[in-house]
Every structure is written in structure tokens, then in C-alpha cells.
C-alpha atoms as a PDB file:
ATOM      1  CA  MET A   1      -0.060  -0.056   0.235  1.00  0.00           C
ATOM      2  CA  SER A   2       1.217   3.243  -0.933  1.00  0.00           C
ATOM      3  CA  LYS A   3       1.794   6.210   1.354  1.00  0.00           C
ATOM      4  CA  PRO A   4      -0.970   8.714   1.997  1.00  0.00           C
ATOM      5  CA  GLU A   5       1.584  11.478   0.860  1.00  0.00           C
ATOM      6  CA  TYR A   6       1.641   9.868  -2.463  1.00  0.00           C
ATOM      7  CA  GLN A   7      -2.367   9.922  -2.513  1.00  0.00           C
ATOM      8  CA  GLY A   8      -2.947  13.185  -3.398  1.00  0.00           C
ATOM      9  CA  PRO A   9      -3.365  16.187  -0.915  1.00  0.00           C
ATOM     10  CA  PRO A  10      -3.916  15.597   2.771  1.00  0.00           C
ATOM     11  CA  GLU A  11      -6.893  18.051   2.543  1.00  0.00           C
ATOM     12  CA  GLU A  12      -8.483  15.350   0.420  1.00  0.00           C
ATOM     13  CA  TYR A  13      -7.151  12.417   1.410  1.00  0.00           C
ATOM     14  CA  TYR A  14      -8.746  12.322   4.629  1.00  0.00           C
ATOM     15  CA  ASN A  15     -12.137  13.572   4.141  1.00  0.00           C
ATOM     16  CA  GLU A  16     -14.728  12.371   6.549  1.00  0.00           C
ATOM     17  CA  LYS A  17     -14.536   8.754   6.081  1.00  0.00           C
ATOM     18  CA  GLU A  18     -10.531   8.162   5.957  1.00  0.00           C
ATOM     19  CA  ALA A  19     -10.418  11.068   9.108  1.00  0.00           C
ATOM     20  CA  ARG A  20     -12.729   8.804  11.276  1.00  0.00           C
ATOM     21  CA  LYS A  21     -11.831   5.058  10.303  1.00  0.00           C
ATOM     22  CA  TYR A  22      -7.923   6.578  11.349  1.00  0.00           C
ATOM     23  CA  THR A  23      -9.062   8.012  14.122  1.00  0.00           C
ATOM     24  CA  SER A  24     -11.351   5.297  15.107  1.00  0.00           C
ATOM     25  CA  ASN A  25      -8.704   2.344  14.717  1.00  0.00           C
ATOM     26  CA  SER A  26      -7.104   1.287  18.042  1.00  0.00           C
ATOM     27  CA  ARG A  27      -3.902   0.355  17.170  1.00  0.00           C
ATOM     28  CA  ILE A  28      -3.386   4.233  15.657  1.00  0.00           C
ATOM     29  CA  GLN A  29      -4.246   5.624  18.473  1.00  0.00           C
ATOM     30  CA  GLN A  30      -1.624   3.802  20.558  1.00  0.00           C
ATOM     31  CA  ILE A  31       1.206   4.586  18.515  1.00  0.00           C
ATOM     32  CA  GLN A  32       0.253   8.272  17.947  1.00  0.00           C
ATOM     33  CA  VAL A  33      -0.194   8.750  21.784  1.00  0.00           C
ATOM     34  CA  ASP A  34       3.252   6.851  22.304  1.00  0.00           C
ATOM     35  CA  LEU A  35       4.627   8.799  19.834  1.00  0.00           C
ATOM     36  CA  ALA A  36       3.186  12.143  21.040  1.00  0.00           C
ATOM     37  CA  GLN A  37       4.342  11.205  24.569  1.00  0.00           C
ATOM     38  CA  ARG A  38       7.823  11.158  22.945  1.00  0.00           C
ATOM     39  CA  ALA A  39       7.762  14.245  21.165  1.00  0.00           C
ATOM     40  CA  TYR A  40       6.765  15.479  24.337  1.00  0.00           C
ATOM     41  CA  ASP A  41       9.326  14.177  26.484  1.00  0.00           C
ATOM     42  CA  LEU A  42      11.999  15.911  24.082  1.00  0.00           C
ATOM     43  CA  LEU A  43      10.669  18.671  25.252  1.00  0.00           C
ATOM     44  CA  GLU A  44      12.155  18.778  28.216  1.00  0.00           C
ATOM     45  CA  LEU A  45       9.699  21.480  29.572  1.00  0.00           C
ATOM     46  CA  PRO A  46      10.715  22.830  32.736  1.00  0.00           C
ATOM     47  CA  LYS A  47       8.333  21.571  35.503  1.00  0.00           C
ATOM     48  CA  ASP A  48       7.473  24.523  36.980  1.00  0.00           C
ATOM     49  CA  GLY A  49       4.142  24.913  35.734  1.00  0.00           C
ATOM     50  CA  HIS A  50       1.561  24.746  32.196  1.00  0.00           C
ATOM     51  CA  ARG A  51       2.639  26.424  28.853  1.00  0.00           C
ATOM     52  CA  LEU A  52       1.187  27.109  25.900  1.00  0.00           C
ATOM     53  CA  LEU A  53       1.989  24.614  23.307  1.00  0.00           C
ATOM     54  CA  LEU A  54       1.443  24.357  19.552  1.00  0.00           C
ATOM     55  CA  ASP A  55       0.102  20.624  17.832  1.00  0.00           C
ATOM     56  CA  ILE A  56       1.129  21.193  14.216  1.00  0.00           C
ATOM     57  CA  GLY A  57      -0.728  19.238  11.722  1.00  0.00           C
ATOM     58  CA  CYS A  58      -2.870  17.340  15.152  1.00  0.00           C
ATOM     59  CA  GLY A  59      -5.623  15.673  13.069  1.00  0.00           C
ATOM     60  CA  SER A  60      -8.581  15.180  15.439  1.00  0.00           C
ATOM     61  CA  GLY A  61      -6.397  16.116  18.864  1.00  0.00           C
ATOM     62  CA  LEU A  62      -5.217  12.577  20.033  1.00  0.00           C
ATOM     63  CA  SER A  63      -1.592  14.352  20.190  1.00  0.00           C
ATOM     64  CA  GLY A  64      -2.912  17.027  21.531  1.00  0.00           C
ATOM     65  CA  GLU A  65      -4.256  15.136  24.656  1.00  0.00           C
ATOM     66  CA  VAL A  66      -1.055  14.060  25.986  1.00  0.00           C
ATOM     67  CA  LEU A  67      -0.337  17.532  25.670  1.00  0.00           C
ATOM     68  CA  GLU A  68      -3.486  17.764  28.243  1.00  0.00           C
ATOM     69  CA  GLU A  69      -2.612  14.996  30.270  1.00  0.00           C
ATOM     70  CA  ASN A  70       0.378  16.477  30.555  1.00  0.00           C
ATOM     71  CA  GLY A  71      -1.013  19.602  32.498  1.00  0.00           C
ATOM     72  CA  HIS A  72      -0.603  22.216  29.373  1.00  0.00           C
ATOM     73  CA  ASN A  73      -2.568  24.401  26.920  1.00  0.00           C
ATOM     74  CA  TRP A  74      -2.884  23.830  23.685  1.00  0.00           C
ATOM     75  CA  ILE A  75      -3.564  24.960  20.251  1.00  0.00           C
ATOM     76  CA  GLY A  76      -3.553  22.342  16.980  1.00  0.00           C
ATOM     77  CA  VAL A  77      -3.419  23.324  14.153  1.00  0.00           C
ATOM     78  CA  ASP A  78      -4.276  21.101  10.703  1.00  0.00           C
ATOM     79  CA  ILE A  79      -5.439  21.085   6.781  1.00  0.00           C
ATOM     80  CA  SER A  80      -8.151  19.161   7.157  1.00  0.00           C
ATOM     81  CA  ARG A  81     -11.147  20.535   7.489  1.00  0.00           C
ATOM     82  CA  ALA A  82     -12.730  16.418   8.703  1.00  0.00           C
ATOM     83  CA  MET A  83      -9.743  15.870  10.871  1.00  0.00           C
ATOM     84  CA  LEU A  84     -10.445  19.047  12.505  1.00  0.00           C
ATOM     85  CA  ASP A  85     -14.118  18.367  12.889  1.00  0.00           C
ATOM     86  CA  VAL A  86     -13.561  14.884  14.557  1.00  0.00           C
ATOM     87  CA  ALA A  87     -11.209  16.700  17.366  1.00  0.00           C
ATOM     88  CA  LYS A  88     -13.554  18.667  17.866  1.00  0.00           C
ATOM     89  CA  GLU A  89     -16.558  16.688  18.598  1.00  0.00           C
ATOM     90  CA  ARG A  90     -13.974  14.325  20.391  1.00  0.00           C
ATOM     91  CA  HIS A  91     -13.192  16.730  22.805  1.00  0.00           C
ATOM     92  CA  GLU A  92     -16.559  18.733  23.301  1.00  0.00           C
ATOM     93  CA  ASP A  93     -17.488  14.765  24.423  1.00  0.00           C
ATOM     94  CA  GLU A  94     -15.319  14.506  27.133  1.00  0.00           C
ATOM     95  CA  ASP A  95     -16.572  18.077  28.854  1.00  0.00           C
ATOM     96  CA  ASN A  96     -13.010  19.550  27.777  1.00  0.00           C
ATOM     97  CA  GLN A  97     -13.450  23.813  28.529  1.00  0.00           C
ATOM     98  CA  PRO A  98     -13.063  25.284  24.774  1.00  0.00           C
ATOM     99  CA  GLU A  99     -10.105  27.893  26.636  1.00  0.00           C
ATOM    100  CA  MET A 100      -8.085  24.330  26.957  1.00  0.00           C
ATOM    101  CA  ASN A 101      -7.033  24.974  23.513  1.00  0.00           C
ATOM    102  CA  ASP A 102      -8.113  25.747  19.856  1.00  0.00           C
ATOM    103  CA  PHE A 103      -8.292  24.240  16.669  1.00  0.00           C
ATOM    104  CA  VAL A 104      -7.174  26.181  13.179  1.00  0.00           C
ATOM    105  CA  GLN A 105      -6.948  24.654  10.015  1.00  0.00           C
ATOM    106  CA  LEU A 106      -4.291  26.314   7.950  1.00  0.00           C
ATOM    107  CA  ASP A 107      -1.576  25.147   6.180  1.00  0.00           C
ATOM    108  CA  MET A 108       1.657  24.632   7.556  1.00  0.00           C
ATOM    109  CA  GLY A 109       3.569  25.306   3.825  1.00  0.00           C
ATOM    110  CA  ALA A 110       2.247  28.750   3.629  1.00  0.00           C
ATOM    111  CA  GLY A 111       3.372  29.738   7.079  1.00  0.00           C
ATOM    112  CA  LEU A 112       2.210  30.184  10.830  1.00  0.00           C
ATOM    113  CA  PRO A 113      -0.457  32.711  10.984  1.00  0.00           C
ATOM    114  CA  PHE A 114       0.701  33.721  14.508  1.00  0.00           C
ATOM    115  CA  GLN A 115       2.083  36.389  16.808  1.00  0.00           C
ATOM    116  CA  ALA A 116       5.793  36.167  17.187  1.00  0.00           C
ATOM    117  CA  ALA A 117       7.309  34.185  20.380  1.00  0.00           C
ATOM    118  CA  VAL A 118       3.420  33.084  21.652  1.00  0.00           C
ATOM    119  CA  PHE A 119       4.211  29.707  21.724  1.00  0.00           C
ATOM    120  CA  ASP A 120       5.903  28.004  24.615  1.00  0.00           C
ATOM    121  CA  GLY A 121       6.858  24.704  22.251  1.00  0.00           C
ATOM    122  CA  ALA A 122       5.238  22.653  19.843  1.00  0.00           C
ATOM    123  CA  ILE A 123       5.579  18.825  18.666  1.00  0.00           C
ATOM    124  CA  SER A 124       4.778  17.391  15.003  1.00  0.00           C
ATOM    125  CA  ILE A 125       3.603  13.988  14.587  1.00  0.00           C
ATOM    126  CA  SER A 126       3.704  12.833  11.210  1.00  0.00           C
ATOM    127  CA  ALA A 127       2.808  15.235   9.622  1.00  0.00           C
ATOM    128  CA  ILE A 128       6.507  17.230   8.079  1.00  0.00           C
ATOM    129  CA  GLN A 129       6.226  15.092   5.025  1.00  0.00           C
ATOM    130  CA  TRP A 130       3.983  15.789   3.592  1.00  0.00           C
ATOM    131  CA  LEU A 131       5.801  19.691   2.650  1.00  0.00           C
ATOM    132  CA  CYS A 132       8.367  17.139   0.477  1.00  0.00           C
ATOM    133  CA  HIS A 133       5.669  16.712  -2.093  1.00  0.00           C
ATOM    134  CA  SER A 134       4.182  19.105  -4.750  1.00  0.00           C
ATOM    135  CA  ASN A 135       0.321  18.629  -5.320  1.00  0.00           C
ATOM    136  CA  SER A 136       0.552  21.037  -7.975  1.00  0.00           C
ATOM    137  CA  LYS A 137       2.734  22.852 -10.386  1.00  0.00           C
ATOM    138  CA  LYS A 138       2.881  25.992  -7.941  1.00  0.00           C
ATOM    139  CA  ASP A 139       4.062  24.015  -4.790  1.00  0.00           C
ATOM    140  CA  ASN A 140       8.055  24.315  -4.295  1.00  0.00           C
ATOM    141  CA  PRO A 141       9.138  21.626  -1.317  1.00  0.00           C
ATOM    142  CA  GLN A 142      11.665  23.804  -0.624  1.00  0.00           C
ATOM    143  CA  LYS A 143      10.587  26.737  -0.257  1.00  0.00           C
ATOM    144  CA  ARG A 144       7.056  25.563   1.225  1.00  0.00           C
ATOM    145  CA  LEU A 145       9.443  24.248   4.249  1.00  0.00           C
ATOM    146  CA  LEU A 146      11.289  27.078   4.570  1.00  0.00           C
ATOM    147  CA  LYS A 147       8.249  29.134   5.137  1.00  0.00           C
ATOM    148  CA  PHE A 148       6.992  27.071   7.347  1.00  0.00           C
ATOM    149  CA  PHE A 149       9.953  26.521   9.558  1.00  0.00           C
ATOM    150  CA  GLU A 150      11.161  30.921   9.576  1.00  0.00           C
ATOM    151  CA  SER A 151       6.800  31.254  11.033  1.00  0.00           C
ATOM    152  CA  LEU A 152       7.217  28.649  13.369  1.00  0.00           C
ATOM    153  CA  PHE A 153      10.666  30.174  14.552  1.00  0.00           C
ATOM    154  CA  ALA A 154       9.102  33.613  14.706  1.00  0.00           C
ATOM    155  CA  CYS A 155       6.329  32.179  16.893  1.00  0.00           C
ATOM    156  CA  LEU A 156       8.124  30.695  19.455  1.00  0.00           C
ATOM    157  CA  SER A 157       9.866  32.481  22.644  1.00  0.00           C
ATOM    158  CA  ARG A 158      13.072  31.989  22.457  1.00  0.00           C
ATOM    159  CA  SER A 159      13.958  28.832  24.846  1.00  0.00           C
ATOM    160  CA  ALA A 160      11.614  27.290  23.423  1.00  0.00           C
ATOM    161  CA  ARG A 161      12.140  24.229  21.392  1.00  0.00           C
ATOM    162  CA  ALA A 162      10.039  22.176  18.393  1.00  0.00           C
ATOM    163  CA  VAL A 163      10.367  18.298  17.950  1.00  0.00           C
ATOM    164  CA  PHE A 164       9.376  16.259  14.678  1.00  0.00           C
ATOM    165  CA  GLN A 165       8.745  13.011  14.647  1.00  0.00           C
ATOM    166  CA  PHE A 166       8.564  11.671  10.600  1.00  0.00           C
ATOM    167  CA  TYR A 167       8.485   8.900   8.455  1.00  0.00           C
ATOM    168  CA  PRO A 168      11.317  10.468   5.424  1.00  0.00           C
ATOM    169  CA  GLU A 169      11.212   8.624   2.316  1.00  0.00           C
ATOM    170  CA  SER A 170      14.714   8.841   2.176  1.00  0.00           C
ATOM    171  CA  ASP A 171      18.301  10.222   3.773  1.00  0.00           C
ATOM    172  CA  LEU A 172      18.113  14.043   1.047  1.00  0.00           C
ATOM    173  CA  GLN A 173      14.425  13.926   2.118  1.00  0.00           C
ATOM    174  CA  THR A 174      14.931  14.263   5.434  1.00  0.00           C
ATOM    175  CA  GLU A 175      18.190  16.379   4.403  1.00  0.00           C
ATOM    176  CA  ILE A 176      16.094  18.518   3.088  1.00  0.00           C
ATOM    177  CA  ILE A 177      13.753  19.215   6.287  1.00  0.00           C
ATOM    178  CA  CYS A 178      17.100  19.748   7.984  1.00  0.00           C
ATOM    179  CA  GLN A 179      18.280  22.186   6.116  1.00  0.00           C
ATOM    180  CA  GLN A 180      15.218  24.540   5.788  1.00  0.00           C
ATOM    181  CA  ALA A 181      14.711  24.344   9.652  1.00  0.00           C
ATOM    182  CA  THR A 182      19.043  25.935   9.802  1.00  0.00           C
ATOM    183  CA  ARG A 183      18.253  28.192   6.607  1.00  0.00           C
ATOM    184  CA  ALA A 184      15.122  29.543   9.506  1.00  0.00           C
ATOM    185  CA  GLY A 185      17.178  30.369  12.343  1.00  0.00           C
ATOM    186  CA  PHE A 186      16.942  26.659  14.754  1.00  0.00           C
ATOM    187  CA  GLN A 187      19.306  24.331  15.751  1.00  0.00           C
ATOM    188  CA  GLY A 188      19.171  21.292  16.996  1.00  0.00           C
ATOM    189  CA  GLY A 189      19.371  17.747  15.565  1.00  0.00           C
ATOM    190  CA  LEU A 190      18.179  13.778  14.660  1.00  0.00           C
ATOM    191  CA  VAL A 191      16.780  11.599  17.537  1.00  0.00           C
ATOM    192  CA  ILE A 192      16.886   8.244  16.325  1.00  0.00           C
ATOM    193  CA  ASP A 193      15.018   5.453  18.566  1.00  0.00           C
ATOM    194  CA  ASN A 194      15.660   1.953  18.174  1.00  0.00           C
ATOM    195  CA  PRO A 195      17.957   2.809  14.959  1.00  0.00           C
ATOM    196  CA  GLU A 196      18.759  -1.014  14.142  1.00  0.00           C
ATOM    197  CA  SER A 197      15.523  -2.079  13.988  1.00  0.00           C
ATOM    198  CA  GLN A 198      14.091  -1.311  10.812  1.00  0.00           C
ATOM    199  CA  LYS A 199      11.028  -1.939  11.614  1.00  0.00           C
ATOM    200  CA  GLN A 200      11.028  -0.277  15.431  1.00  0.00           C
ATOM    201  CA  ARG A 201      13.416   2.744  14.016  1.00  0.00           C
ATOM    202  CA  LYS A 202      11.689   5.671  14.472  1.00  0.00           C
ATOM    203  CA  LEU A 203      13.533   9.508  13.774  1.00  0.00           C
ATOM    204  CA  PHE A 204      12.212  12.864  15.999  1.00  0.00           C
ATOM    205  CA  LEU A 205      13.945  16.026  14.562  1.00  0.00           C
ATOM    206  CA  VAL A 206      14.390  18.200  17.701  1.00  0.00           C
ATOM    207  CA  LEU A 207      14.769  22.015  17.172  1.00  0.00           C
ATOM    208  CA  SER A 208      15.796  24.714  19.246  1.00  0.00           C
ATOM    209  CA  ALA A 209      14.633  28.242  18.656  1.00  0.00           C
ATOM    210  CA  GLY A 210      17.443  29.464  20.983  1.00  0.00           C
ATOM    211  CA  VAL A 211      20.006  31.661  20.343  1.00  0.00           C
ATOM    212  CA  ASN A 212      22.717  29.407  22.131  1.00  0.00           C
ATOM    213  CA  ALA A 213      20.827  26.063  22.188  1.00  0.00           C
ATOM    214  CA  ALA A 214      20.765  23.026  21.054  1.00  0.00           C
ATOM    215  CA  ILE A 215      20.010  19.392  22.019  1.00  0.00           C
ATOM    216  CA  ASN A 216      22.014  19.582  25.402  1.00  0.00           C
ATOM    217  CA  THR A 217      23.539  16.344  28.108  1.00  0.00           C
ATOM    218  CA  LYS A 218      20.140  16.387  29.836  1.00  0.00           C
ATOM    219  CA  THR A 219      18.558  14.828  26.166  1.00  0.00           C
ATOM    220  CA  GLN A 220      21.899  12.598  24.952  1.00  0.00           C
ATOM    221  CA  ILE A 221      22.189  11.177  28.519  1.00  0.00           C
ATOM    222  CA  PHE A 222      18.746  10.557  27.903  1.00  0.00           C
ATOM    223  CA  ASN A 223      18.856   8.409  25.408  1.00  0.00           C
ATOM    224  CA  ASN A 224      22.880   7.007  24.884  1.00  0.00           C
ATOM    225  CA  SER A 225      21.693   3.749  25.185  1.00  0.00           C
ATOM    226  CA  LYS A 226      21.955   0.807  22.138  1.00  0.00           C
ATOM    227  CA  LYS A 227      18.203   1.330  21.837  1.00  0.00           C
ATOM    228  CA  SER A 228      18.593   5.468  20.769  1.00  0.00           C
ATOM    229  CA  GLU A 229      21.447   7.124  18.995  1.00  0.00           C
ATOM    230  CA  ILE A 230      22.298  11.719  18.252  1.00  0.00           C
ATOM    231  CA  ASN A 231      22.657  12.952  15.339  1.00  0.00           C
ATOM    232  CA  GLN A 232      24.292  16.332  15.860  1.00  0.00           C
ATOM    233  CA  SER A 233      23.866  19.852  13.775  1.00  0.00           C
ATOM    234  CA  HIS A 234      25.496  23.255  14.628  1.00  0.00           C
ATOM    235  CA  ILE A 235      24.549  26.260  12.283  1.00  0.00           C
ATOM    236  CA  GLU A 236      24.622  30.042  12.781  1.00  0.00           C
ATOM    237  CA  VAL A 237      21.569  32.063  13.979  1.00  0.00           C
ATOM    238  CA  ILE A 238      20.384  34.101  11.200  1.00  0.00           C
ATOM    239  CA  GLY A 239      17.165  34.570  12.608  1.00  0.00           C
ATOM    240  CA  ARG A 240      13.697  35.610  10.831  1.00  0.00           C
ATOM    241  CA  LYS A 241      13.371  37.849   7.993  1.00  0.00           C
ATOM    242  CA  ARG A 242      10.297  37.984   7.363  1.00  0.00           C
ATOM    243  CA  LYS A 243       6.830  38.997   8.926  1.00  0.00           C
ATOM    244  CA  PHE A 244       3.570  37.521   8.876  1.00  0.00           C
ATOM    245  CA  ASN A 245       0.141  38.137   9.092  1.00  0.00           C
ATOM    246  CA  GLU A 246      -0.542  37.588  13.123  1.00  0.00           C
ATOM    247  CA  ARG A 247      -3.094  35.197  14.711  1.00  0.00           C
ATOM    248  CA  LYS A 248      -3.196  37.373  17.741  1.00  0.00           C
ATOM    249  CA  ILE A 249      -3.614  34.740  20.940  1.00  0.00           C
ATOM    250  CA  ASN A 250      -3.856  36.280  24.271  1.00  0.00           C
ATOM    251  CA  LYS A 251      -2.000  34.002  26.537  1.00  0.00           C
ATOM    252  CA  LYS A 252      -4.781  35.043  29.423  1.00  0.00           C
ATOM    253  CA  ASN A 253      -7.282  33.581  27.493  1.00  0.00           C
ATOM    254  CA  PHE A 254      -6.420  30.106  28.700  1.00  0.00           C
ATOM    255  CA  LYS A 255      -7.372  29.136  31.537  1.00  0.00           C
ATOM    256  CA  LYS A 256      -5.013  27.238  34.154  1.00  0.00           C
ATOM    257  CA  ARG A 257      -5.044  23.392  34.414  1.00  0.00           C
ATOM    258  CA  LYS A 258      -5.174  22.579  37.934  1.00  0.00           C
END
């Protein structure tokens, strides 16, 4: 079976039928939760209170629920209206208070329209590889990746991290993603879980928006085993060069989680 990325744009592939089928699959649910928890751990957030986090390619909200369970507010973005409709239904069914989270439909390749430095961290599960595919003649994957990473860099606080779990089709695709991230000003590297197992191997791109930050000693020690390896890359920070139409978010509107 071919990968979803080869079957058309995500907003068309994840229609109402596919969105509900995806979300009701217990195996997929568990995989998404496990990957989201791993990504959250790699954020290495301080333990001194709740944060406002961004879930990029949030789908039906499975990964965002991990952020909630760890005591944080979050905003989920996705291009699929059908996925977001399921996410809203799931949270209404669970009687979550609306001020705890929000959902925004957008194309991440067109940039994230949030105000500067509003988010304390970001995670993305199985989404970034979609930007490596062209669905029309006007789509340029490298330009779209760069615009995405520049806008993400702009809306993260300067001490924040972003963690991307993704499924690259080749080493070249991984290299392109990393290059565009560093061009946007990020520093960081790749964390590979279970590198010796082709079936269990999982790849995470860990980025930092800090001026002198990279994957720190805590992360290296945490992953210093036969099951994980780290490839680290330090690139000069170039900062953000363009402004984006901002979607203003007032953190005061998000109720503190108990």
C-alpha cells in the first residue's frame, strides 16, 4: 500500500470517512499517543507550571490529548477540515473546557499566522513529510518548508523547542528538511529511537529557537543507550527575516490547568 502522501493533498485524502476511520483504529491511536509522549518528553519543558504549546498537523487531536494529560494548554493546526471536525467532537464528548485548547485550519506550508514568541513549544507527529510533496505546479517543497520553519521560529519563545516525528522516504528528504530548518534560524539535531531495527526505528527532529541552544546534555544522557542515537548539527542562527499576518493569541484567555 502506498503512503498517504502519494495519494493526493492531505485535505483531500483525510476526508470525513478517512478521518473517522483513522481515529477509530485502536492501533493507530496507541501509536500516535506513544509518539506524542516521546515528542513531549524531548521538549524537556520546565516543571514549574503549565505552558501554551502548538500541535502541528494535529489531526483528530490524539497527540494534543497527551499535552493536556501533561497539564498544558495547546492549539492544534491542520489542513484537513474533516480531521478538525472529529477533533472538536472528541473534545466536546470529553467535556473539555473550550479555553483549554483551540483548533485552526491552515496549510502549514503557507506559514503559521501567529504572533511572535507566543508558544512555549511545539510538537508534530507524522506531518512534516507532507511538505516534501508537490500537489500542484506552483508548489515548491523547499520554499514551503522554509516558509513554514521561518514562521514557526517567529512564533516560538526564544527558549522553546519544536519536536517533529516524521517518516522520510530517503536520507535526501531528511537532509532537505534539516537544511530548511537551519536556514530559518533553528539549531538542533536528529534523535533516532531503535536505530538497529528497521521496523521499530523512529526519527525525531529536535529543534531549538534559542540563540545558543542545541540538544543539551540531559537529552544526550536520556538517549545514550543501544536503543537510541543522536546526530547533532550546530548551524549559525540567522534569525527571522519576514513578517507574517499574525493571529493574535492572548495567553490570559487560556485557563490554567490544575
